[in-house]
Amino acid sequence: ARRGQRFIELSTTEYELLRLFLRNPRIVLTRA
C-alpha cells in the first residue's frame, strides 16, 4: 500500500482487510 509518497508494508490479514475496504468505498461494511 501507499499513502501519498509513503509506502506501507501489510501482513496477510491487513492486506485482505484493506482490499475489501478499497473495493467498497463509502459503503458501510458490517462486522458480520
All heavy atoms as atom14 arrays in JSON, in Angstrom:
{
  "sequence": "ARRGQRFIELSTTEYELLRLFLRNPRIVLTRA",
  "atom14_mask": [
    [1, 1, 1, 1, 1, 0, 0, 0, 0, 0, 0, 0, 0, 0],
    [1, 1, 1, 1, 1, 1, 1, 1, 1, 1, 1, 0, 0, 0],
    [1, 1, 1, 1, 1, 1, 1, 1, 1, 1, 1, 0, 0, 0],
    [1, 1, 1, 1, 0, 0, 0, 0, 0, 0, 0, 0, 0, 0],
    [1, 1, 1, 1, 1, 1, 1, 1, 1, 0, 0, 0, 0, 0],
    [1, 1, 1, 1, 1, 1, 1, 1, 1, 1, 1, 0, 0, 0],
    [1, 1, 1, 1, 1, 1, 1, 1, 1, 1, 1, 0, 0, 0],
    [1, 1, 1, 1, 1, 1, 1, 1, 0, 0, 0, 0, 0, 0],
    [1, 1, 1, 1, 1, 1, 1, 1, 1, 0, 0, 0, 0, 0],
    [1, 1, 1, 1, 1, 1, 1, 1, 0, 0, 0, 0, 0, 0],
    [1, 1, 1, 1, 1, 1, 0, 0, 0, 0, 0, 0, 0, 0],
    [1, 1, 1, 1, 1, 1, 1, 0, 0, 0, 0, 0, 0, 0],
    [1, 1, 1, 1, 1, 1, 1, 0, 0, 0, 0, 0, 0, 0],
    [1, 1, 1, 1, 1, 1, 1, 1, 1, 0, 0, 0, 0, 0],
    [1, 1, 1, 1, 1, 1, 1, 1, 1, 1, 1, 1, 0, 0],
    [1, 1, 1, 1, 1, 1, 1, 1, 1, 0, 0, 0, 0, 0],
    [1, 1, 1, 1, 1, 1, 1, 1, 0, 0, 0, 0, 0, 0],
    [1, 1, 1, 1, 1, 1, 1, 1, 0, 0, 0, 0, 0, 0],
    [1, 1, 1, 1, 1, 1, 1, 1, 1, 1, 1, 0, 0, 0],
    [1, 1, 1, 1, 1, 1, 1, 1, 0, 0, 0, 0, 0, 0],
    [1, 1, 1, 1, 1, 1, 1, 1, 1, 1, 1, 0, 0, 0],
    [1, 1, 1, 1, 1, 1, 1, 1, 0, 0, 0, 0, 0, 0],
    [1, 1, 1, 1, 1, 1, 1, 1, 1, 1, 1, 0, 0, 0],
    [1, 1, 1, 1, 1, 1, 1, 1, 0, 0, 0, 0, 0, 0],
    [1, 1, 1, 1, 1, 1, 1, 0, 0, 0, 0, 0, 0, 0],
    [1, 1, 1, 1, 1, 1, 1, 1, 1, 1, 1, 0, 0, 0],
    [1, 1, 1, 1, 1, 1, 1, 1, 0, 0, 0, 0, 0, 0],
    [1, 1, 1, 1, 1, 1, 1, 0, 0, 0, 0, 0, 0, 0],
    [1, 1, 1, 1, 1, 1, 1, 1, 0, 0, 0, 0, 0, 0],
    [1, 1, 1, 1, 1, 1, 1, 0, 0, 0, 0, 0, 0, 0],
    [1, 1, 1, 1, 1, 1, 1, 1, 1, 1, 1, 0, 0, 0],
    [1, 1, 1, 1, 1, 0, 0, 0, 0, 0, 0, 0, 0, 0]
  ],
  "atom14_positions": [
    [[0.84, -1.19, 0.0], [0.0, 0.0, 0.0], [0.88, 1.25, 0.0], [2.05, 1.21, 0.4], [-0.92, 0.0, 1.21], [0.0, 0.0, 0.0], [0.0, 0.0, 0.0], [0.0, 0.0, 0.0], [0.0, 0.0, 0.0], [0.0, 0.0, 0.0], [0.0, 0.0, 0.0], [0.0, 0.0, 0.0], [0.0, 0.0, 0.0], [0.0, 0.0, 0.0]],
    [[0.28, 2.33, -0.44], [0.98, 3.61, -0.42], [0.0, 4.71, -0.08], [-1.11, 4.74, -0.61], [1.63, 3.88, -1.78], [2.48, 5.17, -1.78], [3.15, 5.37, -3.12], [2.17, 5.76, -4.14], [2.5, 6.05, -5.4], [3.74, 5.93, -5.8], [1.56, 6.42, -6.25], [0.0, 0.0, 0.0], [0.0, 0.0, 0.0], [0.0, 0.0, 0.0]],
    [[0.4, 5.57, 0.83], [-0.41, 6.75, 1.13], [0.44, 7.97, 0.83], [1.44, 8.23, 1.5], [-0.88, 6.75, 2.58], [-1.81, 7.94, 2.85], [-2.77, 7.72, 3.98], [-3.81, 8.75, 3.95], [-4.65, 9.0, 4.92], [-4.62, 8.25, 6.03], [-5.57, 9.95, 4.8], [0.0, 0.0, 0.0], [0.0, 0.0, 0.0], [0.0, 0.0, 0.0]],
    [[0.04, 8.7, -0.2], [0.89, 9.78, -0.67], [2.18, 9.18, -1.2], [2.18, 8.31, -2.05], [0.0, 0.0, 0.0], [0.0, 0.0, 0.0], [0.0, 0.0, 0.0], [0.0, 0.0, 0.0], [0.0, 0.0, 0.0], [0.0, 0.0, 0.0], [0.0, 0.0, 0.0], [0.0, 0.0, 0.0], [0.0, 0.0, 0.0], [0.0, 0.0, 0.0]],
    [[3.31, 9.63, -0.66], [4.62, 9.1, -1.05], [5.14, 8.06, -0.06], [6.24, 7.56, -0.22], [5.63, 10.25, -1.15], [5.25, 11.31, -2.17], [5.1, 10.72, -3.57], [5.95, 9.97, -4.04], [3.99, 11.05, -4.24], [0.0, 0.0, 0.0], [0.0, 0.0, 0.0], [0.0, 0.0, 0.0], [0.0, 0.0, 0.0], [0.0, 0.0, 0.0]],
    [[4.33, 7.71, 0.93], [4.77, 6.78, 1.98], [4.29, 5.37, 1.67], [3.11, 5.12, 1.51], [4.22, 7.23, 3.35], [4.65, 6.36, 4.51], [4.23, 7.01, 5.82], [2.78, 7.16, 5.94], [1.98, 6.21, 6.41], [2.48, 5.04, 6.8], [0.67, 6.42, 6.5], [0.0, 0.0, 0.0], [0.0, 0.0, 0.0], [0.0, 0.0, 0.0]],
    [[5.23, 4.42, 1.59], [4.89, 3.03, 1.34], [4.58, 2.31, 2.65], [5.2, 2.59, 3.69], [6.02, 2.32, 0.6], [6.1, 2.71, -0.85], [6.94, 3.74, -1.25], [5.34, 2.06, -1.8], [7.02, 4.12, -2.58], [5.4, 2.42, -3.14], [6.24, 3.45, -3.52], [0.0, 0.0, 0.0], [0.0, 0.0, 0.0], [0.0, 0.0, 0.0]],
    [[3.63, 1.38, 2.61], [3.15, 0.7, 3.82], [3.2, -0.8, 3.59], [2.59, -1.32, 2.65], [1.69, 1.12, 4.14], [1.59, 2.64, 4.27], [1.21, 0.43, 5.41], [0.16, 3.15, 4.25], [0.0, 0.0, 0.0], [0.0, 0.0, 0.0], [0.0, 0.0, 0.0], [0.0, 0.0, 0.0], [0.0, 0.0, 0.0], [0.0, 0.0, 0.0]],
    [[3.95, -1.51, 4.42], [4.01, -2.96, 4.36], [2.83, -3.54, 5.15], [2.54, -3.1, 6.26], [5.32, -3.49, 4.93], [6.56, -3.09, 4.12], [6.57, -3.73, 2.74], [5.91, -4.79, 2.56], [7.24, -3.18, 1.85], [0.0, 0.0, 0.0], [0.0, 0.0, 0.0], [0.0, 0.0, 0.0], [0.0, 0.0, 0.0], [0.0, 0.0, 0.0]],
    [[2.16, -4.54, 4.58], [0.97, -5.11, 5.2], [1.15, -6.6, 5.45], [1.75, -7.3, 4.64], [-0.25, -4.91, 4.27], [-0.6, -3.47, 3.89], [-1.64, -3.47, 2.78], [-1.1, -2.69, 5.1], [0.0, 0.0, 0.0], [0.0, 0.0, 0.0], [0.0, 0.0, 0.0], [0.0, 0.0, 0.0], [0.0, 0.0, 0.0], [0.0, 0.0, 0.0]],
    [[0.59, -7.07, 6.55], [0.51, -8.5, 6.78], [-0.62, -9.06, 5.91], [-1.37, -8.31, 5.28], [0.23, -8.8, 8.26], [-1.1, -8.43, 8.6], [0.0, 0.0, 0.0], [0.0, 0.0, 0.0], [0.0, 0.0, 0.0], [0.0, 0.0, 0.0], [0.0, 0.0, 0.0], [0.0, 0.0, 0.0], [0.0, 0.0, 0.0], [0.0, 0.0, 0.0]],
    [[-0.74, -10.38, 5.88], [-1.78, -11.01, 5.06], [-3.17, -10.5, 5.41], [-3.96, -10.11, 4.54], [-1.75, -12.53, 5.24], [-0.45, -13.01, 4.9], [-2.78, -13.22, 4.36], [0.0, 0.0, 0.0], [0.0, 0.0, 0.0], [0.0, 0.0, 0.0], [0.0, 0.0, 0.0], [0.0, 0.0, 0.0], [0.0, 0.0, 0.0], [0.0, 0.0, 0.0]],
    [[-3.5, -10.5, 6.7], [-4.83, -10.08, 7.13], [-5.06, -8.61, 6.87], [-6.15, -8.21, 6.43], [-5.03, -10.4, 8.61], [-4.84, -11.8, 8.82], [-6.43, -10.02, 9.08], [0.0, 0.0, 0.0], [0.0, 0.0, 0.0], [0.0, 0.0, 0.0], [0.0, 0.0, 0.0], [0.0, 0.0, 0.0], [0.0, 0.0, 0.0], [0.0, 0.0, 0.0]],
    [[-4.06, -7.78, 7.11], [-4.19, -6.34, 6.85], [-4.45, -6.1, 5.36], [-5.28, -5.26, 5.0], [-2.92, -5.62, 7.29], [-2.72, -5.6, 8.78], [-1.3, -5.24, 9.16], [-0.45, -5.09, 8.26], [-1.03, -5.13, 10.37], [0.0, 0.0, 0.0], [0.0, 0.0, 0.0], [0.0, 0.0, 0.0], [0.0, 0.0, 0.0], [0.0, 0.0, 0.0]],
    [[-3.75, -6.82, 4.5], [-3.94, -6.67, 3.06], [-5.37, -7.04, 2.65], [-6.03, -6.3, 1.92], [-2.94, -7.55, 2.31], [-3.29, -7.74, 0.85], [-3.04, -6.74, -0.08], [-3.9, -8.92, 0.41], [-3.38, -6.9, -1.42], [-4.24, -9.09, -0.92], [-3.97, -8.08, -1.83], [-4.32, -8.25, -3.15], [0.0, 0.0, 0.0], [0.0, 0.0, 0.0]],
    [[-5.85, -8.19, 3.14], [-7.2, -8.62, 2.78], [-8.25, -7.63, 3.26], [-9.23, -7.35, 2.56], [-7.48, -10.01, 3.37], [-6.59, -11.12, 2.82], [-6.89, -11.45, 1.37], [-7.95, -11.04, 0.86], [-6.06, -12.13, 0.74], [0.0, 0.0, 0.0], [0.0, 0.0, 0.0], [0.0, 0.0, 0.0], [0.0, 0.0, 0.0], [0.0, 0.0, 0.0]],
    [[-8.04, -7.11, 4.46], [-8.99, -6.15, 5.03], [-9.0, -4.85, 4.24], [-10.06, -4.32, 3.88], [-8.63, -5.91, 6.49], [-9.63, -5.15, 7.37], [-10.97, -5.86, 7.39], [-9.07, -5.03, 8.8], [0.0, 0.0, 0.0], [0.0, 0.0, 0.0], [0.0, 0.0, 0.0], [0.0, 0.0, 0.0], [0.0, 0.0, 0.0], [0.0, 0.0, 0.0]],
    [[-7.81, -4.34, 3.93], [-7.73, -3.08, 3.19], [-8.27, -3.25, 1.77], [-8.97, -2.37, 1.25], [-6.28, -2.59, 3.14], [-6.05, -1.26, 2.42], [-6.89, -0.15, 3.04], [-4.57, -0.89, 2.43], [0.0, 0.0, 0.0], [0.0, 0.0, 0.0], [0.0, 0.0, 0.0], [0.0, 0.0, 0.0], [0.0, 0.0, 0.0], [0.0, 0.0, 0.0]],
    [[-7.99, -4.38, 1.13], [-8.51, -4.62, -0.21], [-10.04, -4.61, -0.22], [-10.67, -4.06, -1.13], [-7.99, -5.95, -0.76], [-8.41, -6.21, -2.21], [-7.81, -7.48, -2.76], [-8.27, -8.66, -2.04], [-8.08, -9.9, -2.47], [-7.41, -10.13, -3.59], [-8.52, -10.93, -1.77], [0.0, 0.0, 0.0], [0.0, 0.0, 0.0], [0.0, 0.0, 0.0]],
    [[-10.63, -5.21, 0.81], [-12.09, -5.24, 0.89], [-12.66, -3.83, 1.05], [-13.66, -3.47, 0.42], [-12.53, -6.13, 2.06], [-14.03, -6.41, 2.2], [-14.6, -7.01, 0.93], [-14.28, -7.34, 3.38], [0.0, 0.0, 0.0], [0.0, 0.0, 0.0], [0.0, 0.0, 0.0], [0.0, 0.0, 0.0], [0.0, 0.0, 0.0], [0.0, 0.0, 0.0]],
    [[-12.01, -3.01, 1.87], [-12.46, -1.62, 2.02], [-12.33, -0.85, 0.71], [-13.24, -0.12, 0.31], [-11.66, -0.92, 3.12], [-12.13, -1.2, 4.51], [-11.28, -1.76, 5.45], [-13.42, -0.9, 4.91], [-11.7, -2.02, 6.74], [-13.87, -1.16, 6.2], [-13.0, -1.72, 7.12], [0.0, 0.0, 0.0], [0.0, 0.0, 0.0], [0.0, 0.0, 0.0]],
    [[-11.19, -1.03, 0.03], [-10.94, -0.27, -1.19], [-11.86, -0.69, -2.33], [-12.12, 0.1, -3.25], [-9.48, -0.41, -1.6], [-8.48, 0.42, -0.78], [-7.06, -0.01, -1.08], [-8.67, 1.91, -1.05], [0.0, 0.0, 0.0], [0.0, 0.0, 0.0], [0.0, 0.0, 0.0], [0.0, 0.0, 0.0], [0.0, 0.0, 0.0], [0.0, 0.0, 0.0]],
    [[-12.34, -1.91, -2.3], [-13.27, -2.36, -3.33], [-14.71, -1.95, -3.02], [-15.59, -2.11, -3.87], [-13.17, -3.88, -3.5], [-11.93, -4.3, -4.28], [-11.86, -5.78, -4.51], [-10.79, -6.1, -5.46], [-10.3, -7.31, -5.66], [-10.79, -8.34, -4.97], [-9.33, -7.53, -6.53], [0.0, 0.0, 0.0], [0.0, 0.0, 0.0], [0.0, 0.0, 0.0]],
    [[-14.91, -1.42, -1.83], [-16.26, -0.99, -1.43], [-16.21, 0.37, -0.74], [-16.68, 0.53, 0.39], [-16.88, -2.02, -0.48], [-17.03, -3.38, -1.13], [-18.0, -3.65, -1.82], [-16.05, -4.25, -0.89], [0.0, 0.0, 0.0], [0.0, 0.0, 0.0], [0.0, 0.0, 0.0], [0.0, 0.0, 0.0], [0.0, 0.0, 0.0], [0.0, 0.0, 0.0]],
    [[-15.65, 1.38, -1.4], [-15.55, 2.7, -0.76], [-16.93, 3.3, -0.51], [-17.87, 3.08, -1.28], [-14.76, 3.52, -1.79], [-15.06, 2.86, -3.1], [-15.16, 1.4, -2.79], [0.0, 0.0, 0.0], [0.0, 0.0, 0.0], [0.0, 0.0, 0.0], [0.0, 0.0, 0.0], [0.0, 0.0, 0.0], [0.0, 0.0, 0.0], [0.0, 0.0, 0.0]],
    [[-17.03, 4.02, 0.61], [-18.23, 4.75, 1.01], [-19.41, 3.83, 1.33], [-20.53, 4.3, 1.54], [-18.66, 5.77, -0.06], [-17.58, 6.78, -0.4], [-18.05, 7.81, -1.42], [-16.98, 8.7, -1.82], [-16.12, 8.45, -2.8], [-16.25, 7.32, -3.51], [-15.16, 9.29, -3.1], [0.0, 0.0, 0.0], [0.0, 0.0, 0.0], [0.0, 0.0, 0.0]],
    [[-19.17, 2.52, 1.36], [-20.23, 1.57, 1.71], [-19.95, 1.04, 3.13], [-18.83, 0.62, 3.43], [-20.26, 0.4, 0.72], [-20.62, 0.9, -0.68], [-21.26, -0.67, 1.17], [-20.53, -0.16, -1.76], [0.0, 0.0, 0.0], [0.0, 0.0, 0.0], [0.0, 0.0, 0.0], [0.0, 0.0, 0.0], [0.0, 0.0, 0.0], [0.0, 0.0, 0.0]],
    [[-20.96, 1.06, 3.98], [-20.79, 0.56, 5.34], [-20.71, -0.96, 5.29], [-21.62, -1.63, 4.81], [-21.95, 1.01, 6.25], [-21.79, 0.39, 7.64], [-21.99, 2.53, 6.35], [0.0, 0.0, 0.0], [0.0, 0.0, 0.0], [0.0, 0.0, 0.0], [0.0, 0.0, 0.0], [0.0, 0.0, 0.0], [0.0, 0.0, 0.0], [0.0, 0.0, 0.0]],
    [[-19.59, -1.5, 5.78], [-19.39, -2.94, 5.85], [-19.63, -3.39, 7.28], [-18.97, -2.93, 8.21], [-17.96, -3.3, 5.41], [-17.56, -2.82, 4.01], [-16.12, -3.22, 3.69], [-18.52, -3.34, 2.94], [0.0, 0.0, 0.0], [0.0, 0.0, 0.0], [0.0, 0.0, 0.0], [0.0, 0.0, 0.0], [0.0, 0.0, 0.0], [0.0, 0.0, 0.0]],
    [[-20.6, -4.26, 7.47], [-20.95, -4.69, 8.82], [-19.85, -5.57, 9.4], [-19.05, -6.17, 8.66], [-22.27, -5.48, 8.83], [-22.09, -6.71, 8.11], [-23.39, -4.66, 8.2], [0.0, 0.0, 0.0], [0.0, 0.0, 0.0], [0.0, 0.0, 0.0], [0.0, 0.0, 0.0], [0.0, 0.0, 0.0], [0.0, 0.0, 0.0], [0.0, 0.0, 0.0]],
    [[-19.84, -5.67, 10.72], [-18.86, -6.54, 11.37], [-19.04, -7.99, 10.94], [-18.06, -8.71, 10.73], [-18.99, -6.41, 12.9], [-18.49, -5.08, 13.44], [-18.68, -4.96, 14.94], [-18.03, -3.77, 15.46], [-18.56, -2.56, 15.45], [-19.77, -2.38, 14.91], [-17.9, -1.53, 15.95], [0.0, 0.0, 0.0], [0.0, 0.0, 0.0], [0.0, 0.0, 0.0]],
    [[-20.29, -8.41, 10.8], [-20.57, -9.79, 10.4], [-20.01, -10.06, 9.0], [-19.43, -11.11, 8.74], [-22.07, -10.06, 10.44], [0.0, 0.0, 0.0], [0.0, 0.0, 0.0], [0.0, 0.0, 0.0], [0.0, 0.0, 0.0], [0.0, 0.0, 0.0], [0.0, 0.0, 0.0], [0.0, 0.0, 0.0], [0.0, 0.0, 0.0], [0.0, 0.0, 0.0]]
  ]
}
